[in-house]
Amino acid sequence: MKQKQITAENANDGQLRLLYETAFPKEEQIPWDDLVRLIGEMNLDFTAYYEGEDFVGFTIVYPRPSFNWYWYFAVKEELRGKGLGQQILNQLIDKYKGQSCVLDMESPRQECANKEQRLRRQAFYLRNGFRETNVYRSWDDLEMTIMMMGPGTFTLQNWDEIVGELRKYWTWD
């Protein structure tokens, strides 16, 4: 699978934006123009993935000294369940090998219309070496569960640090 590094200069790809705006709940999205601005300002690792010439998905990682935050990970809906997400995650895990990585996802313990999807997503990450941290955060009515891979622990203080760093570049209140 081919990778392409996305920068503020080449982020105006309609496929990227469409997947971003359809793969994540509105509550989890930063407006696209703000996200593009943050790529350089926060030194985000924004990578697009291609099978041949066909766009498959993307990841956005916020590399940090104590752990890397897997911020966004999306595969085109019609390509899900075909092992492409697994290939992408394998490349991502290899890229950050030996480092602690954290992600947040919609909590499967919350009652919702997409509970089955959340459970499948959680099982996917557990199969691939992530573990539960038992740290949960809420945005409006959306509960997020935080998972981790690698050494160390993750606490609410760590979460507050990430949010504090993000607020230096973008605010949502």
Protein backbone atom coordinates (compact mmCIF):
# COMPACT_ATOMS: atom_id res chain seq x y z
CA MET A 1 0.00 0.00 0.00
CA LYS A 2 1.37 3.40 -0.99
CA GLN A 3 1.54 6.32 1.42
CA LYS A 4 1.41 10.03 0.67
CA GLN A 5 2.30 12.64 3.26
CA ILE A 6 -0.36 15.34 3.43
CA THR A 7 0.66 18.93 4.09
CA ALA A 8 -1.28 22.18 4.17
CA GLU A 9 -0.17 22.67 0.55
CA ASN A 10 -1.58 19.38 -0.81
CA ALA A 11 -4.54 18.84 1.54
CA ASN A 12 -7.07 20.24 -0.93
CA ASP A 13 -7.96 16.76 -2.09
CA GLY A 14 -11.72 16.37 -2.27
CA GLN A 15 -11.50 12.66 -1.41
CA LEU A 16 -9.68 13.37 1.85
CA ARG A 17 -12.16 16.02 2.91
CA LEU A 18 -15.20 13.93 1.97
CA LEU A 19 -13.95 10.93 3.93
CA TYR A 20 -13.10 13.11 6.93
CA GLU A 21 -16.52 14.78 6.92
CA THR A 22 -18.45 11.51 6.53
CA ALA A 23 -16.40 9.08 8.65
CA PHE A 24 -16.57 10.95 11.95
CA PRO A 25 -19.48 12.36 13.94
CA LYS A 26 -19.74 16.15 13.74
CA GLU A 27 -18.86 16.35 17.45
CA GLU A 28 -15.46 14.81 16.68
CA GLN A 29 -14.61 17.04 13.73
CA ILE A 30 -12.53 20.15 13.59
CA PRO A 31 -13.68 22.29 10.65
CA TRP A 32 -11.65 21.19 7.61
CA ASP A 33 -9.95 24.54 7.01
CA ASP A 34 -8.85 24.67 10.65
CA LEU A 35 -7.58 21.08 10.46
CA VAL A 36 -5.52 21.90 7.36
CA ARG A 37 -4.02 24.89 9.18
CA LEU A 38 -3.14 22.68 12.16
CA ILE A 39 -1.17 20.22 10.00
CA GLY A 40 1.88 22.48 9.98
CA GLU A 41 1.31 24.35 13.22
CA MET A 42 1.06 21.19 15.35
CA ASN A 43 3.41 19.10 13.20
CA LEU A 44 0.69 16.51 12.57
CA ASP A 45 1.55 13.31 10.71
CA PHE A 46 -1.28 13.32 8.13
CA THR A 47 -0.90 10.36 5.77
CA ALA A 48 -3.13 9.25 2.89
CA TYR A 49 -3.09 5.60 1.77
CA TYR A 50 -3.56 4.25 -1.75
CA GLU A 51 -4.02 0.81 -3.26
CA GLY A 52 -2.40 1.44 -6.63
CA GLU A 53 -3.86 4.79 -7.64
CA ASP A 54 -7.08 4.33 -5.65
CA PHE A 55 -7.51 6.32 -2.44
CA VAL A 56 -8.24 4.01 0.50
CA GLY A 57 -8.11 6.13 3.65
CA PHE A 58 -6.02 8.32 5.90
CA THR A 59 -4.54 8.67 9.37
CA ILE A 60 -3.66 11.73 11.41
CA VAL A 61 -1.23 11.23 14.28
CA TYR A 62 -0.13 13.90 16.72
CA PRO A 63 3.44 12.86 17.66
CA ARG A 64 4.28 13.80 21.24
CA PRO A 65 7.31 13.09 23.46
CA SER A 66 5.48 10.84 25.94
CA PHE A 67 3.07 9.15 23.51
CA ASN A 68 1.65 9.52 20.01
CA TRP A 69 -2.02 10.33 19.71
CA TYR A 70 -3.73 8.46 16.87
CA TRP A 71 -6.16 11.28 16.30
CA TYR A 72 -8.02 10.20 13.16
CA PHE A 73 -8.09 6.90 11.26
CA ALA A 74 -10.56 6.35 8.43
CA VAL A 75 -11.06 3.92 5.56
CA LYS A 76 -13.57 4.59 2.80
CA GLU A 77 -16.88 3.01 3.76
CA GLU A 78 -17.16 0.79 0.70
CA LEU A 79 -13.67 -0.62 1.40
CA ARG A 80 -14.17 -1.48 5.06
CA GLY A 81 -14.04 -5.14 6.05
CA LYS A 82 -11.55 -6.02 3.27
CA GLY A 83 -8.37 -5.94 5.36
CA LEU A 84 -7.23 -2.51 4.15
CA GLY A 85 -7.68 -0.93 7.59
CA GLN A 86 -5.55 -3.73 9.01
CA GLN A 87 -2.81 -2.98 6.47
CA ILE A 88 -2.91 0.72 7.35
CA LEU A 89 -2.82 0.04 11.08
CA ASN A 90 0.11 -2.36 10.59
CA GLN A 91 2.04 0.38 8.77
CA LEU A 92 1.18 2.88 11.50
CA ILE A 93 2.22 0.50 14.29
CA ASP A 94 5.48 -0.21 12.48
CA LYS A 95 6.15 3.50 11.98
CA TYR A 96 5.78 4.20 15.71
CA LYS A 97 7.27 0.89 16.88
CA GLY A 98 8.54 0.94 20.45
CA GLN A 99 6.64 4.12 21.28
CA SER A 100 3.47 4.46 23.31
CA CYS A 101 0.40 5.26 21.23
CA VAL A 102 -3.03 6.40 22.39
CA LEU A 103 -6.36 6.72 20.60
CA ASP A 104 -9.83 7.77 21.56
CA MET A 105 -12.95 6.28 20.02
CA GLU A 106 -16.69 6.43 20.53
CA SER A 107 -17.33 4.37 23.64
CA PRO A 108 -19.08 1.02 23.13
CA ARG A 109 -20.46 1.20 26.66
CA GLN A 110 -22.67 4.16 25.71
CA GLU A 111 -26.18 3.44 24.43
CA CYS A 112 -26.32 4.59 20.82
CA ALA A 113 -27.53 3.73 17.33
CA ASN A 114 -24.08 2.49 16.16
CA LYS A 115 -23.19 0.29 19.14
CA GLU A 116 -22.34 -2.74 16.94
CA GLN A 117 -19.91 -0.59 14.89
CA ARG A 118 -18.27 0.67 18.09
CA LEU A 119 -17.87 -2.87 19.43
CA ARG A 120 -16.27 -4.02 16.15
CA ARG A 121 -13.90 -1.03 16.21
CA GLN A 122 -12.94 -1.75 19.83
CA ALA A 123 -12.32 -5.45 19.05
CA PHE A 124 -10.16 -4.42 16.05
CA TYR A 125 -7.89 -2.32 18.24
CA LEU A 126 -7.75 -4.94 21.02
CA ARG A 127 -6.71 -7.60 18.45
CA ASN A 128 -3.92 -5.30 17.34
CA GLY A 129 -2.30 -4.74 20.70
CA PHE A 130 -4.19 -1.82 22.15
CA ARG A 131 -5.57 -2.11 25.67
CA GLU A 132 -8.26 -0.37 27.65
CA THR A 133 -7.09 2.49 29.87
CA ASN A 134 -10.41 2.83 31.71
CA VAL A 135 -10.23 6.54 30.98
CA TYR A 136 -13.39 8.05 29.48
CA ARG A 137 -14.14 11.59 28.38
CA SER A 138 -17.34 13.14 27.10
CA TRP A 139 -17.96 15.80 24.48
CA ASP A 140 -21.53 16.98 24.75
CA ASP A 141 -23.49 13.68 24.64
CA LEU A 142 -20.69 11.62 23.09
CA GLU A 143 -18.61 9.43 25.39
CA MET A 144 -15.10 8.56 24.26
CA THR A 145 -13.03 5.63 25.52
CA ILE A 146 -9.26 5.90 25.43
CA MET A 147 -7.10 2.94 24.42
CA MET A 148 -3.31 2.59 24.55
CA MET A 149 -0.53 0.52 23.03
CA GLY A 150 3.00 0.31 24.37
CA PRO A 151 4.57 0.96 27.73
CA GLY A 152 3.15 3.20 30.41
CA THR A 153 -0.26 4.25 31.58
CA PHE A 154 -2.68 6.91 30.46
CA THR A 155 -4.53 9.15 32.92
CA LEU A 156 -7.04 11.98 32.86
CA GLN A 157 -4.09 14.31 33.43
CA ASN A 158 -2.55 13.05 30.16
CA TRP A 159 -5.86 13.74 28.41
CA ASP A 160 -5.99 17.25 29.86
CA GLU A 161 -2.43 17.84 28.58
CA ILE A 162 -3.43 16.87 25.03
CA VAL A 163 -6.51 19.07 25.16
CA GLY A 164 -4.41 21.93 26.57
CA GLU A 165 -1.94 21.61 23.70
CA LEU A 166 -4.74 21.56 21.15
CA ARG A 167 -6.32 24.66 22.71
CA LYS A 168 -3.09 26.58 22.03
CA TYR A 169 -3.84 26.18 18.31
CA TRP A 170 -7.62 25.85 18.09
CA THR A 171 -10.57 26.38 20.42
CA TRP A 172 -14.02 24.91 20.08
CA ASP A 173 -16.03 26.69 22.78
